[in-house]
Amino acid sequence: MQELQIIQAKLKAPKGQYNSFGGFKYRSLEDIFEAVKPLLAETQTTLVVGDEIELIGDRYYVCATATLTNQKGEQVRNVAYARETLEKAKMDDAQLTGSASTYARKYALNGLFC
């Protein structure tokens, strides 16, 4: 898909966030979305990101899928998994799932857009 090549060549999503607890820079899911939106408009493509919960063994995983569709209906898809932690300080169950969802979605997009 030629549109994907254009997006991959032009997309810039620098690690502009800083995690002071862990001492590292990172890019957020929102950073990636904001950087890709103008390129989606330019290439007349649509990006849909979603996820499902899967039980693998005795652990739950979030399976995120990023799908890029062009005007001809051609699609390119990438999938990424993230496991929910058993517990994390100061987070309830919904926040744990949300954190795993964000992580999986980020890596599905990273895989799709290089």
C-alpha atoms as a PDB file:
ATOM      1  CA  MET A   1       0.000   0.000   0.000  1.00  0.00           C
ATOM      2  CA  GLN A   2       1.644   3.203  -1.218  1.00  0.00           C
ATOM      3  CA  GLU A   3      -0.113   5.379   1.370  1.00  0.00           C
ATOM      4  CA  LEU A   4       1.530   3.453   4.192  1.00  0.00           C
ATOM      5  CA  GLN A   5       4.950   4.075   2.671  1.00  0.00           C
ATOM      6  CA  ILE A   6       4.226   7.811   2.623  1.00  0.00           C
ATOM      7  CA  ILE A   7       3.052   7.833   6.239  1.00  0.00           C
ATOM      8  CA  GLN A   8       6.047   5.773   7.382  1.00  0.00           C
ATOM      9  CA  ALA A   9       8.452   8.125   5.613  1.00  0.00           C
ATOM     10  CA  LYS A  10       6.902  11.336   6.949  1.00  0.00           C
ATOM     11  CA  LEU A  11       5.659  10.451  10.437  1.00  0.00           C
ATOM     12  CA  LYS A  12       7.574  12.136  13.236  1.00  0.00           C
ATOM     13  CA  ALA A  13       6.475  11.347  16.775  1.00  0.00           C
ATOM     14  CA  PRO A  14       9.409  12.249  19.024  1.00  0.00           C
ATOM     15  CA  LYS A  15       9.691  11.116  22.612  1.00  0.00           C
ATOM     16  CA  GLY A  16       8.595  14.415  24.092  1.00  0.00           C
ATOM     17  CA  GLN A  17       7.230  13.128  27.409  1.00  0.00           C
ATOM     18  CA  TYR A  18       9.328  12.421  30.489  1.00  0.00           C
ATOM     19  CA  ASN A  19       8.682   9.869  33.211  1.00  0.00           C
ATOM     20  CA  SER A  20      10.389  11.287  36.284  1.00  0.00           C
ATOM     21  CA  PHE A  21       9.752   8.130  38.323  1.00  0.00           C
ATOM     22  CA  GLY A  22      11.440   5.851  35.782  1.00  0.00           C
ATOM     23  CA  GLY A  23      13.839   8.480  34.444  1.00  0.00           C
ATOM     24  CA  PHE A  24      13.112   7.980  30.747  1.00  0.00           C
ATOM     25  CA  LYS A  25      11.600   9.797  27.778  1.00  0.00           C
ATOM     26  CA  TYR A  26       8.630   8.360  25.930  1.00  0.00           C
ATOM     27  CA  ARG A  27       5.910   9.162  23.406  1.00  0.00           C
ATOM     28  CA  SER A  28       2.306   8.829  24.440  1.00  0.00           C
ATOM     29  CA  LEU A  29      -0.483   7.252  22.426  1.00  0.00           C
ATOM     30  CA  GLU A  30      -1.950  10.735  22.023  1.00  0.00           C
ATOM     31  CA  ASP A  31       1.394  11.999  20.655  1.00  0.00           C
ATOM     32  CA  ILE A  32       1.294   9.332  17.939  1.00  0.00           C
ATOM     33  CA  PHE A  33      -2.346  10.102  17.079  1.00  0.00           C
ATOM     34  CA  GLU A  34      -1.685  13.829  16.798  1.00  0.00           C
ATOM     35  CA  ALA A  35       1.369  13.276  14.595  1.00  0.00           C
ATOM     36  CA  VAL A  36      -0.401  10.854  12.245  1.00  0.00           C
ATOM     37  CA  LYS A  37      -3.685  12.761  11.762  1.00  0.00           C
ATOM     38  CA  PRO A  38      -2.345  15.236   9.162  1.00  0.00           C
ATOM     39  CA  LEU A  39      -0.757  12.355   7.243  1.00  0.00           C
ATOM     40  CA  LEU A  40      -4.036  10.444   7.242  1.00  0.00           C
ATOM     41  CA  ALA A  41      -5.702  13.490   5.715  1.00  0.00           C
ATOM     42  CA  GLU A  42      -2.904  13.905   3.179  1.00  0.00           C
ATOM     43  CA  THR A  43      -3.071  10.264   2.064  1.00  0.00           C
ATOM     44  CA  GLN A  44      -6.872  10.046   2.384  1.00  0.00           C
ATOM     45  CA  THR A  45      -6.603   7.017   4.643  1.00  0.00           C
ATOM     46  CA  THR A  46      -8.435   6.009   7.785  1.00  0.00           C
ATOM     47  CA  LEU A  47      -6.896   4.595  10.939  1.00  0.00           C
ATOM     48  CA  VAL A  48      -8.950   2.511  13.350  1.00  0.00           C
ATOM     49  CA  VAL A  49      -7.477   1.206  16.592  1.00  0.00           C
ATOM     50  CA  GLY A  50      -9.291  -1.185  18.879  1.00  0.00           C
ATOM     51  CA  ASP A  51      -8.620  -3.947  21.326  1.00  0.00           C
ATOM     52  CA  GLU A  52      -9.994  -7.121  22.836  1.00  0.00           C
ATOM     53  CA  ILE A  53      -9.266  -8.934  26.064  1.00  0.00           C
ATOM     54  CA  GLU A  54      -7.878 -12.457  25.674  1.00  0.00           C
ATOM     55  CA  LEU A  55      -7.266 -15.085  28.314  1.00  0.00           C
ATOM     56  CA  ILE A  56      -4.025 -16.914  27.544  1.00  0.00           C
ATOM     57  CA  GLY A  57      -3.189 -19.551  30.104  1.00  0.00           C
ATOM     58  CA  ASP A  58      -4.067 -17.983  33.437  1.00  0.00           C
ATOM     59  CA  ARG A  59      -3.317 -14.365  32.446  1.00  0.00           C
ATOM     60  CA  TYR A  60      -5.335 -11.724  30.676  1.00  0.00           C
ATOM     61  CA  TYR A  61      -3.872  -9.853  27.724  1.00  0.00           C
ATOM     62  CA  VAL A  62      -5.073  -6.874  25.753  1.00  0.00           C
ATOM     63  CA  CYS A  63      -4.812  -7.557  22.028  1.00  0.00           C
ATOM     64  CA  ALA A  64      -4.731  -4.229  20.184  1.00  0.00           C
ATOM     65  CA  THR A  65      -5.239  -3.973  16.444  1.00  0.00           C
ATOM     66  CA  ALA A  66      -4.328  -0.948  14.297  1.00  0.00           C
ATOM     67  CA  THR A  67      -5.898  -0.977  10.822  1.00  0.00           C
ATOM     68  CA  LEU A  68      -5.052   1.479   8.050  1.00  0.00           C
ATOM     69  CA  THR A  69      -7.540   1.631   5.161  1.00  0.00           C
ATOM     70  CA  ASN A  70      -7.139   3.527   1.884  1.00  0.00           C
ATOM     71  CA  GLN A  71      -9.872   4.803  -0.442  1.00  0.00           C
ATOM     72  CA  LYS A  72      -9.763   1.592  -2.481  1.00  0.00           C
ATOM     73  CA  GLY A  73     -10.616  -0.405   0.647  1.00  0.00           C
ATOM     74  CA  GLU A  74      -7.158  -1.951   0.891  1.00  0.00           C
ATOM     75  CA  GLN A  75      -6.090  -2.558   4.468  1.00  0.00           C
ATOM     76  CA  VAL A  76      -2.898  -3.080   6.392  1.00  0.00           C
ATOM     77  CA  ARG A  77      -3.189  -4.309   9.963  1.00  0.00           C
ATOM     78  CA  ASN A  78      -0.830  -4.787  12.882  1.00  0.00           C
ATOM     79  CA  VAL A  79      -1.498  -6.451  16.223  1.00  0.00           C
ATOM     80  CA  ALA A  80       0.247  -6.071  19.578  1.00  0.00           C
ATOM     81  CA  TYR A  81      -0.347  -7.653  22.983  1.00  0.00           C
ATOM     82  CA  ALA A  82       0.126  -6.332  26.494  1.00  0.00           C
ATOM     83  CA  ARG A  83      -0.435  -8.298  29.678  1.00  0.00           C
ATOM     84  CA  GLU A  84      -2.280  -6.814  32.603  1.00  0.00           C
ATOM     85  CA  THR A  85      -0.158  -6.628  35.709  1.00  0.00           C
ATOM     86  CA  LEU A  86      -1.544  -8.426  38.720  1.00  0.00           C
ATOM     87  CA  GLU A  87      -1.530  -5.195  40.710  1.00  0.00           C
ATOM     88  CA  LYS A  88       0.057  -1.798  40.679  1.00  0.00           C
ATOM     89  CA  ALA A  89       0.137   0.725  43.476  1.00  0.00           C
ATOM     90  CA  LYS A  90      -2.526   3.417  43.291  1.00  0.00           C
ATOM     91  CA  MET A  91      -4.388   1.775  40.364  1.00  0.00           C
ATOM     92  CA  ASP A  92      -7.743   0.033  40.428  1.00  0.00           C
ATOM     93  CA  ASP A  93      -8.643  -2.831  38.077  1.00  0.00           C
ATOM     94  CA  ALA A  94     -10.063  -0.553  35.374  1.00  0.00           C
ATOM     95  CA  GLN A  95      -6.886   1.536  35.362  1.00  0.00           C
ATOM     96  CA  LEU A  96      -4.738  -1.594  35.053  1.00  0.00           C
ATOM     97  CA  THR A  97      -6.719  -2.679  31.996  1.00  0.00           C
ATOM     98  CA  GLY A  98      -6.596   0.843  30.557  1.00  0.00           C
ATOM     99  CA  SER A  99      -2.838   0.982  31.014  1.00  0.00           C
ATOM    100  CA  ALA A 100      -2.400  -2.353  29.224  1.00  0.00           C
ATOM    101  CA  SER A 101      -4.722  -1.149  26.445  1.00  0.00           C
ATOM    102  CA  THR A 102      -2.738   2.046  25.934  1.00  0.00           C
ATOM    103  CA  TYR A 103       0.532   0.109  25.872  1.00  0.00           C
ATOM    104  CA  ALA A 104      -0.757  -2.458  23.373  1.00  0.00           C
ATOM    105  CA  ARG A 105      -2.276   0.225  21.120  1.00  0.00           C
ATOM    106  CA  LYS A 106       0.979   2.198  21.149  1.00  0.00           C
ATOM    107  CA  TYR A 107       2.968  -0.813  20.056  1.00  0.00           C
ATOM    108  CA  ALA A 108       0.419  -1.811  17.413  1.00  0.00           C
ATOM    109  CA  LEU A 109       0.858   1.682  15.936  1.00  0.00           C
ATOM    110  CA  ASN A 110       4.642   1.556  16.311  1.00  0.00           C
ATOM    111  CA  GLY A 111       4.702  -1.721  14.399  1.00  0.00           C
ATOM    112  CA  LEU A 112       2.422  -0.390  11.666  1.00  0.00           C
ATOM    113  CA  PHE A 113       4.206   2.914  11.170  1.00  0.00           C
ATOM    114  CA  CYS A 114       7.791   1.792  11.910  1.00  0.00           C
END
